[in-house]
């Protein structure tokens, strides 16, 4: 049987389409499996720089002498005004007793003496200041440091009336090392010269000695502590 050309053409076309449909398709790559999404990569950010806090300077028995030697070279002032709850007086410090002078000015500038007391008053002898039963005073001492100063008794200064001097430490102290946080002022007329050679005079009251005398006349109790607290309100370097 003869197949018409039109039918033959249709058959060929059918075979071609069937053969094309049997060709296996290639799988497209899974984008999630072969690539990493951009959003999933953590952005690297520089860590903020942390400024190291400067360690606070604390005096001790190893560094105090060098510190006050250098500090004395910088200090030009030589007067300190103490304002107390009973009035004010002014002290002039001796240049040739550099460690004790520098120490007194340094503590004044650090605000140590503010709110301390005259805690020992011996009539017709001395008034002693720089201590307190307040916890704040102990805190200030810890922050400034624990140290002593060597005696400097050979500069020709004597314990005349109005002289400011530094007591020795209460610790076992055969060399009479000075307790830097306290001081005493002589009120004896004309002076208390039996103290010479044992303690270091480092200045004298040049104004307001009447206030010193008034403090020396207050009533005291056991341990020569005044019945009514006498405060140093402010120490100003002039």
C-alpha atoms as a PDB file:
ATOM      1  CA  UNK A   1       0.000   0.000   0.000  1.00  0.00           C
ATOM      2  CA  UNK A   2       1.353   3.330  -1.000  1.00  0.00           C
ATOM      3  CA  UNK A   3       1.591   6.025   1.673  1.00  0.00           C
ATOM      4  CA  UNK A   4       0.714   9.471   0.596  1.00  0.00           C
ATOM      5  CA  UNK A   5       3.419  12.058   0.875  1.00  0.00           C
ATOM      6  CA  UNK A   6       1.356  14.086   3.315  1.00  0.00           C
ATOM      7  CA  UNK A   7       0.881  11.053   5.547  1.00  0.00           C
ATOM      8  CA  UNK A   8       4.571  10.210   5.339  1.00  0.00           C
ATOM      9  CA  UNK A   9       5.454  13.702   6.386  1.00  0.00           C
ATOM     10  CA  UNK A  10       3.149  13.425   9.391  1.00  0.00           C
ATOM     11  CA  UNK A  11       4.705  10.103  10.433  1.00  0.00           C
ATOM     12  CA  UNK A  12       8.260  11.501  10.264  1.00  0.00           C
ATOM     13  CA  UNK A  13       7.241  14.520  12.271  1.00  0.00           C
ATOM     14  CA  UNK A  14       5.625  12.296  14.949  1.00  0.00           C
ATOM     15  CA  UNK A  15       8.751  10.099  15.236  1.00  0.00           C
ATOM     16  CA  UNK A  16      10.943  13.223  15.606  1.00  0.00           C
ATOM     17  CA  UNK A  17       8.791  14.650  18.377  1.00  0.00           C
ATOM     18  CA  UNK A  18       8.747  11.351  20.281  1.00  0.00           C
ATOM     19  CA  UNK A  19      12.512  11.002  20.065  1.00  0.00           C
ATOM     20  CA  UNK A  20      12.950  14.546  21.396  1.00  0.00           C
ATOM     21  CA  UNK A  21      10.699  13.830  24.334  1.00  0.00           C
ATOM     22  CA  UNK A  22      12.816  10.816  25.376  1.00  0.00           C
ATOM     23  CA  UNK A  23      16.038  12.865  25.736  1.00  0.00           C
ATOM     24  CA  UNK A  24      16.928  13.110  29.508  1.00  0.00           C
ATOM     25  CA  UNK A  25      16.945  16.604  30.939  1.00  0.00           C
ATOM     26  CA  UNK A  26      20.009  17.931  32.823  1.00  0.00           C
ATOM     27  CA  UNK A  27      19.309  18.978  36.392  1.00  0.00           C
ATOM     28  CA  UNK A  28      19.984  22.653  37.056  1.00  0.00           C
ATOM     29  CA  UNK A  29      22.425  23.291  39.968  1.00  0.00           C
ATOM     30  CA  UNK A  30      20.765  23.874  43.281  1.00  0.00           C
ATOM     31  CA  UNK A  31      21.717  27.445  44.162  1.00  0.00           C
ATOM     32  CA  UNK A  32      21.269  26.836  47.893  1.00  0.00           C
ATOM     33  CA  UNK A  33      23.666  23.887  47.888  1.00  0.00           C
ATOM     34  CA  UNK A  34      26.475  25.284  45.806  1.00  0.00           C
ATOM     35  CA  UNK A  35      26.560  28.897  46.910  1.00  0.00           C
ATOM     36  CA  UNK A  36      26.589  30.658  50.276  1.00  0.00           C
ATOM     37  CA  UNK A  37      24.154  33.460  50.640  1.00  0.00           C
ATOM     38  CA  UNK A  38      25.801  36.785  51.197  1.00  0.00           C
ATOM     39  CA  UNK A  39      23.678  37.550  54.266  1.00  0.00           C
ATOM     40  CA  UNK A  40      24.957  34.440  56.047  1.00  0.00           C
ATOM     41  CA  UNK A  41      28.583  35.730  56.258  1.00  0.00           C
ATOM     42  CA  UNK A  42      29.062  37.669  59.512  1.00  0.00           C
ATOM     43  CA  UNK A  43      30.482  41.107  58.886  1.00  0.00           C
ATOM     44  CA  UNK A  44      33.864  41.517  60.508  1.00  0.00           C
ATOM     45  CA  UNK A  45      33.887  44.690  62.599  1.00  0.00           C
ATOM     46  CA  UNK A  46      36.958  45.981  64.411  1.00  0.00           C
ATOM     47  CA  UNK A  47      36.702  45.668  68.168  1.00  0.00           C
ATOM     48  CA  UNK A  48      36.501  49.034  69.910  1.00  0.00           C
ATOM     49  CA  UNK A  49      39.786  50.080  71.461  1.00  0.00           C
ATOM     50  CA  UNK A  50      39.608  50.032  75.233  1.00  0.00           C
ATOM     51  CA  UNK A  51      41.662  52.749  76.847  1.00  0.00           C
ATOM     52  CA  UNK A  52      43.753  51.401  79.659  1.00  0.00           C
ATOM     53  CA  UNK A  53      43.098  53.259  82.876  1.00  0.00           C
ATOM     54  CA  UNK A  54      46.208  54.886  84.236  1.00  0.00           C
ATOM     55  CA  UNK A  55      47.105  53.333  87.547  1.00  0.00           C
ATOM     56  CA  UNK A  56      46.824  55.813  90.400  1.00  0.00           C
ATOM     57  CA  UNK A  57      50.146  56.904  91.866  1.00  0.00           C
ATOM     58  CA  UNK A  58      50.597  55.788  95.464  1.00  0.00           C
ATOM     59  CA  UNK A  59      53.490  56.826  97.678  1.00  0.00           C
ATOM     60  CA  UNK A  60      55.416  54.217  99.635  1.00  0.00           C
ATOM     61  CA  UNK A  61      58.658  53.938 101.568  1.00  0.00           C
ATOM     62  CA  UNK A  62      60.565  53.043  98.384  1.00  0.00           C
ATOM     63  CA  UNK A  63      59.484  55.942  96.162  1.00  0.00           C
ATOM     64  CA  UNK A  64      58.647  58.761  98.607  1.00  0.00           C
ATOM     65  CA  UNK A  65      62.137  60.260  98.924  1.00  0.00           C
ATOM     66  CA  UNK A  66      62.727  60.430  95.161  1.00  0.00           C
ATOM     67  CA  UNK A  67      59.240  61.798  94.616  1.00  0.00           C
ATOM     68  CA  UNK A  68      59.579  64.622  97.148  1.00  0.00           C
ATOM     69  CA  UNK A  69      63.134  65.420  95.990  1.00  0.00           C
ATOM     70  CA  UNK A  70      61.787  66.048  92.481  1.00  0.00           C
ATOM     71  CA  UNK A  71      58.607  67.699  93.738  1.00  0.00           C
ATOM     72  CA  UNK A  72      60.662  70.158  95.798  1.00  0.00           C
ATOM     73  CA  UNK A  73      62.437  71.309  92.615  1.00  0.00           C
ATOM     74  CA  UNK A  74      59.107  72.312  91.092  1.00  0.00           C
ATOM     75  CA  UNK A  75      57.549  73.998  94.120  1.00  0.00           C
ATOM     76  CA  UNK A  76      57.885  77.777  94.103  1.00  0.00           C
ATOM     77  CA  UNK A  77      55.337  78.540  96.846  1.00  0.00           C
ATOM     78  CA  UNK A  78      56.361  78.578 100.497  1.00  0.00           C
ATOM     79  CA  UNK A  79      53.185  79.556 102.368  1.00  0.00           C
ATOM     80  CA  UNK A  80      50.075  77.649 103.405  1.00  0.00           C
ATOM     81  CA  UNK A  81      46.951  79.111 105.013  1.00  0.00           C
ATOM     82  CA  UNK A  82      45.012  76.831 107.337  1.00  0.00           C
ATOM     83  CA  UNK A  83      41.387  77.818 107.836  1.00  0.00           C
ATOM     84  CA  UNK A  84      39.980  76.201 110.977  1.00  0.00           C
ATOM     85  CA  UNK A  85      36.646  76.192 112.736  1.00  0.00           C
ATOM     86  CA  UNK A  86      38.190  78.775 115.114  1.00  0.00           C
ATOM     87  CA  UNK A  87      39.801  81.064 112.546  1.00  0.00           C
ATOM     88  CA  UNK A  88      42.744  80.980 110.134  1.00  0.00           C
ATOM     89  CA  UNK A  89      46.507  81.302 110.346  1.00  0.00           C
ATOM     90  CA  UNK A  90      49.355  81.286 107.818  1.00  0.00           C
ATOM     91  CA  UNK A  91      52.524  79.215 107.865  1.00  0.00           C
ATOM     92  CA  UNK A  92      55.747  79.980 106.014  1.00  0.00           C
ATOM     93  CA  UNK A  93      57.785  76.878 105.142  1.00  0.00           C
ATOM     94  CA  UNK A  94      61.590  76.682 105.216  1.00  0.00           C
ATOM     95  CA  UNK A  95      63.277  76.181 101.846  1.00  0.00           C
ATOM     96  CA  UNK A  96      66.248  74.292 103.273  1.00  0.00           C
ATOM     97  CA  UNK A  97      64.057  71.487 104.669  1.00  0.00           C
ATOM     98  CA  UNK A  98      62.928  70.336 101.210  1.00  0.00           C
ATOM     99  CA  UNK A  99      61.317  66.960 101.923  1.00  0.00           C
ATOM    100  CA  UNK A 100      59.124  68.207 104.754  1.00  0.00           C
ATOM    101  CA  UNK A 101      58.215  71.389 102.907  1.00  0.00           C
ATOM    102  CA  UNK A 102      57.329  69.502  99.719  1.00  0.00           C
ATOM    103  CA  UNK A 103      55.347  66.945 101.715  1.00  0.00           C
ATOM    104  CA  UNK A 104      53.245  69.608 103.467  1.00  0.00           C
ATOM    105  CA  UNK A 105      52.504  71.434 100.211  1.00  0.00           C
ATOM    106  CA  UNK A 106      51.706  68.195  98.386  1.00  0.00           C
ATOM    107  CA  UNK A 107      49.251  67.046 101.060  1.00  0.00           C
ATOM    108  CA  UNK A 108      47.655  70.503 101.114  1.00  0.00           C
ATOM    109  CA  UNK A 109      47.153  70.414  97.352  1.00  0.00           C
ATOM    110  CA  UNK A 110      45.775  66.884  97.543  1.00  0.00           C
ATOM    111  CA  UNK A 111      43.152  68.122 100.002  1.00  0.00           C
ATOM    112  CA  UNK A 112      44.342  65.776 102.707  1.00  0.00           C
ATOM    113  CA  UNK A 113      44.159  68.267 105.591  1.00  0.00           C
ATOM    114  CA  UNK A 114      40.636  69.374 104.724  1.00  0.00           C
ATOM    115  CA  UNK A 115      38.205  68.154 107.404  1.00  0.00           C
ATOM    116  CA  UNK A 116      40.942  66.742 109.643  1.00  0.00           C
ATOM    117  CA  UNK A 117      41.175  67.929 113.238  1.00  0.00           C
ATOM    118  CA  UNK A 118      43.465  69.267 115.905  1.00  0.00           C
ATOM    119  CA  UNK A 119      43.317  66.031 117.825  1.00  0.00           C
ATOM    120  CA  UNK A 120      45.906  66.752 120.528  1.00  0.00           C
ATOM    121  CA  UNK A 121      46.102  69.953 122.543  1.00  0.00           C
ATOM    122  CA  UNK A 122      48.586  70.289 125.415  1.00  0.00           C
ATOM    123  CA  UNK A 123      48.153  73.607 127.191  1.00  0.00           C
ATOM    124  CA  UNK A 124      51.171  75.935 127.024  1.00  0.00           C
ATOM    125  CA  UNK A 125      53.033  73.384 124.904  1.00  0.00           C
ATOM    126  CA  UNK A 126      51.657  72.379 121.494  1.00  0.00           C
ATOM    127  CA  UNK A 127      48.626  71.888 119.280  1.00  0.00           C
ATOM    128  CA  UNK A 128      48.795  68.860 116.989  1.00  0.00           C
ATOM    129  CA  UNK A 129      46.752  68.426 113.811  1.00  0.00           C
ATOM    130  CA  UNK A 130      46.306  66.302 110.710  1.00  0.00           C
ATOM    131  CA  UNK A 131      44.380  63.352 112.131  1.00  0.00           C
ATOM    132  CA  UNK A 132      40.725  62.515 112.687  1.00  0.00           C
ATOM    133  CA  UNK A 133      38.450  59.756 113.910  1.00  0.00           C
ATOM    134  CA  UNK A 134      36.563  60.081 110.622  1.00  0.00           C
ATOM    135  CA  UNK A 135      36.831  57.105 108.219  1.00  0.00           C
ATOM    136  CA  UNK A 136      37.347  59.535 105.348  1.00  0.00           C
ATOM    137  CA  UNK A 137      40.756  60.496 106.745  1.00  0.00           C
ATOM    138  CA  UNK A 138      41.901  56.875 106.778  1.00  0.00           C
ATOM    139  CA  UNK A 139      40.647  56.500 103.211  1.00  0.00           C
ATOM    140  CA  UNK A 140      42.645  59.527 102.073  1.00  0.00           C
ATOM    141  CA  UNK A 141      45.781  58.110 103.671  1.00  0.00           C
ATOM    142  CA  UNK A 142      45.339  54.823 101.823  1.00  0.00           C
ATOM    143  CA  UNK A 143      44.907  56.605  98.501  1.00  0.00           C
ATOM    144  CA  UNK A 144      47.963  58.832  98.990  1.00  0.00           C
ATOM    145  CA  UNK A 145      50.172  56.088 100.397  1.00  0.00           C
ATOM    146  CA  UNK A 146      52.019  54.782 103.425  1.00  0.00           C
ATOM    147  CA  UNK A 147      55.472  56.278 103.954  1.00  0.00           C
ATOM    148  CA  UNK A 148      57.708  58.065 106.455  1.00  0.00           C
ATOM    149  CA  UNK A 149      60.132  60.962 106.118  1.00  0.00           C
ATOM    150  CA  UNK A 150      63.695  61.049 107.439  1.00  0.00           C
ATOM    151  CA  UNK A 151      64.523  63.612 110.149  1.00  0.00           C
ATOM    152  CA  UNK A 152      66.219  66.798 109.004  1.00  0.00           C
ATOM    153  CA  UNK A 153      67.317  68.417 112.247  1.00  0.00           C
ATOM    154  CA  UNK A 154      70.673  69.960 111.336  1.00  0.00           C
ATOM    155  CA  UNK A 155      69.543  73.014 109.402  1.00  0.00           C
ATOM    156  CA  UNK A 156      69.748  75.323 112.410  1.00  0.00           C
ATOM    157  CA  UNK A 157      66.012  75.616 113.043  1.00  0.00           C
ATOM    158  CA  UNK A 158      64.825  75.453 116.639  1.00  0.00           C
ATOM    159  CA  UNK A 159      61.462  74.894 118.242  1.00  0.00           C
ATOM    160  CA  UNK A 160      60.679  78.536 118.936  1.00  0.00           C
ATOM    161  CA  UNK A 161      57.136  79.623 119.710  1.00  0.00           C
ATOM    162  CA  UNK A 162      55.087  79.403 116.508  1.00  0.00           C
ATOM    163  CA  UNK A 163      57.318  76.735 114.942  1.00  0.00           C
ATOM    164  CA  UNK A 164      55.591  73.978 112.962  1.00  0.00           C
ATOM    165  CA  UNK A 165      57.278  70.598 113.262  1.00  0.00           C
ATOM    166  CA  UNK A 166      56.543  66.996 112.398  1.00  0.00           C
ATOM    167  CA  UNK A 167      56.031  64.259 115.017  1.00  0.00           C
ATOM    168  CA  UNK A 168      57.773  60.918 114.693  1.00  0.00           C
ATOM    169  CA  UNK A 169      55.857  57.791 113.844  1.00  0.00           C
ATOM    170  CA  UNK A 170      54.392  55.805 116.716  1.00  0.00           C
ATOM    171  CA  UNK A 171      55.777  52.604 115.200  1.00  0.00           C
ATOM    172  CA  UNK A 172      59.041  51.074 116.379  1.00  0.00           C
ATOM    173  CA  UNK A 173      61.098  53.994 115.213  1.00  0.00           C
ATOM    174  CA  UNK A 174      64.617  54.368 116.627  1.00  0.00           C
ATOM    175  CA  UNK A 175      65.594  56.797 113.847  1.00  0.00           C
ATOM    176  CA  UNK A 176      62.729  59.209 114.621  1.00  0.00           C
ATOM    177  CA  UNK A 177      61.296  58.960 111.113  1.00  0.00           C
ATOM    178  CA  UNK A 178      58.511  61.509 110.741  1.00  0.00           C
ATOM    179  CA  UNK A 179      54.823  60.750 110.390  1.00  0.00           C
ATOM    180  CA  UNK A 180      54.040  62.837 107.271  1.00  0.00           C
ATOM    181  CA  UNK A 181      50.309  63.309 107.800  1.00  0.00           C
ATOM    182  CA  UNK A 182      50.536  65.119 111.136  1.00  0.00           C
ATOM    183  CA  UNK A 183      52.175  68.260 112.456  1.00  0.00           C
ATOM    184  CA  UNK A 184      52.412  70.217 115.675  1.00  0.00           C
ATOM    185  CA  UNK A 185      52.828  73.903 116.444  1.00  0.00           C
ATOM    186  CA  UNK A 186      54.743  75.110 119.487  1.00  0.00           C
ATOM    187  CA  UNK A 187      52.947  77.637 121.707  1.00  0.00           C
ATOM    188  CA  UNK A 188      55.437  77.712 124.601  1.00  0.00           C
ATOM    189  CA  UNK A 189      57.084  81.057 125.321  1.00  0.00           C
ATOM    190  CA  UNK A 190      59.811  81.471 124.178  1.00  0.00           C
ATOM    191  CA  UNK A 191      59.876  77.898 122.821  1.00  0.00           C
ATOM    192  CA  UNK A 192      60.213  74.177 123.558  1.00  0.00           C
ATOM    193  CA  UNK A 193      63.892  73.653 122.886  1.00  0.00           C
ATOM    194  CA  UNK A 194      64.051  70.214 124.440  1.00  0.00           C
ATOM    195  CA  UNK A 195      62.454  69.042 121.165  1.00  0.00           C
ATOM    196  CA  UNK A 196      65.459  70.196 119.122  1.00  0.00           C
ATOM    197  CA  UNK A 197      67.370  67.314 117.581  1.00  0.00           C
ATOM    198  CA  UNK A 198      64.480  64.880 117.923  1.00  0.00           C
ATOM    199  CA  UNK A 199      61.926  66.464 115.581  1.00  0.00           C
ATOM    200  CA  UNK A 200      62.179  68.473 112.380  1.00  0.00           C
ATOM    201  CA  UNK A 201      61.020  72.114 112.349  1.00  0.00           C
ATOM    202  CA  UNK A 202      59.964  72.936 108.783  1.00  0.00           C
ATOM    203  CA  UNK A 203      58.191  76.290 109.094  1.00  0.00           C
ATOM    204  CA  UNK A 204      56.672  78.911 111.371  1.00  0.00           C
ATOM    205  CA  UNK A 205      53.400  80.743 111.877  1.00  0.00           C
ATOM    206  CA  UNK A 206      53.718  84.252 110.421  1.00  0.00           C
ATOM    207  CA  UNK A 207      50.104  85.353 110.780  1.00  0.00           C
ATOM    208  CA  UNK A 208      47.246  84.351 113.073  1.00  0.00           C
ATOM    209  CA  UNK A 209      49.173  83.167 116.126  1.00  0.00           C
ATOM    210  CA  UNK A 210      46.228  84.370 118.220  1.00  0.00           C
ATOM    211  CA  UNK A 211      44.133  81.611 116.596  1.00  0.00           C
ATOM    212  CA  UNK A 212      46.785  79.035 117.518  1.00  0.00           C
ATOM    213  CA  UNK A 213      46.685  80.284 121.131  1.00  0.00           C
ATOM    214  CA  UNK A 214      42.889  80.095 121.171  1.00  0.00           C
ATOM    215  CA  UNK A 215      43.008  76.475 120.033  1.00  0.00           C
ATOM    216  CA  UNK A 216      45.585  75.743 122.737  1.00  0.00           C
ATOM    217  CA  UNK A 217      43.193  77.001 125.413  1.00  0.00           C
ATOM    218  CA  UNK A 218      40.176  74.786 124.633  1.00  0.00           C
ATOM    219  CA  UNK A 219      39.087  72.185 127.241  1.00  0.00           C
ATOM    220  CA  UNK A 220      40.416  68.682 126.557  1.00  0.00           C
ATOM    221  CA  UNK A 221      39.649  65.170 127.724  1.00  0.00           C
ATOM    222  CA  UNK A 222      41.601  61.942 127.901  1.00  0.00           C
ATOM    223  CA  UNK A 223      44.479  61.746 125.450  1.00  0.00           C
ATOM    224  CA  UNK A 224      44.499  65.570 125.160  1.00  0.00           C
ATOM    225  CA  UNK A 225      41.693  65.405 122.570  1.00  0.00           C
ATOM    226  CA  UNK A 226      39.525  68.549 122.695  1.00  0.00           C
ATOM    227  CA  UNK A 227      36.009  68.083 124.083  1.00  0.00           C
ATOM    228  CA  UNK A 228      34.693  69.990 121.074  1.00  0.00           C
ATOM    229  CA  UNK A 229      36.171  69.011 117.717  1.00  0.00           C
ATOM    230  CA  UNK A 230      38.331  71.671 116.085  1.00  0.00           C
ATOM    231  CA  UNK A 231      38.401  71.153 112.333  1.00  0.00           C
ATOM    232  CA  UNK A 232      40.818  72.211 109.647  1.00  0.00           C
ATOM    233  CA  UNK A 233      38.294  73.279 107.053  1.00  0.00           C
ATOM    234  CA  UNK A 234      40.769  74.028 104.285  1.00  0.00           C
ATOM    235  CA  UNK A 235      44.510  74.129 103.582  1.00  0.00           C
ATOM    236  CA  UNK A 236      45.461  76.565 100.798  1.00  0.00           C
ATOM    237  CA  UNK A 237      48.878  76.880  99.192  1.00  0.00           C
ATOM    238  CA  UNK A 238      49.561  80.598  98.717  1.00  0.00           C
END
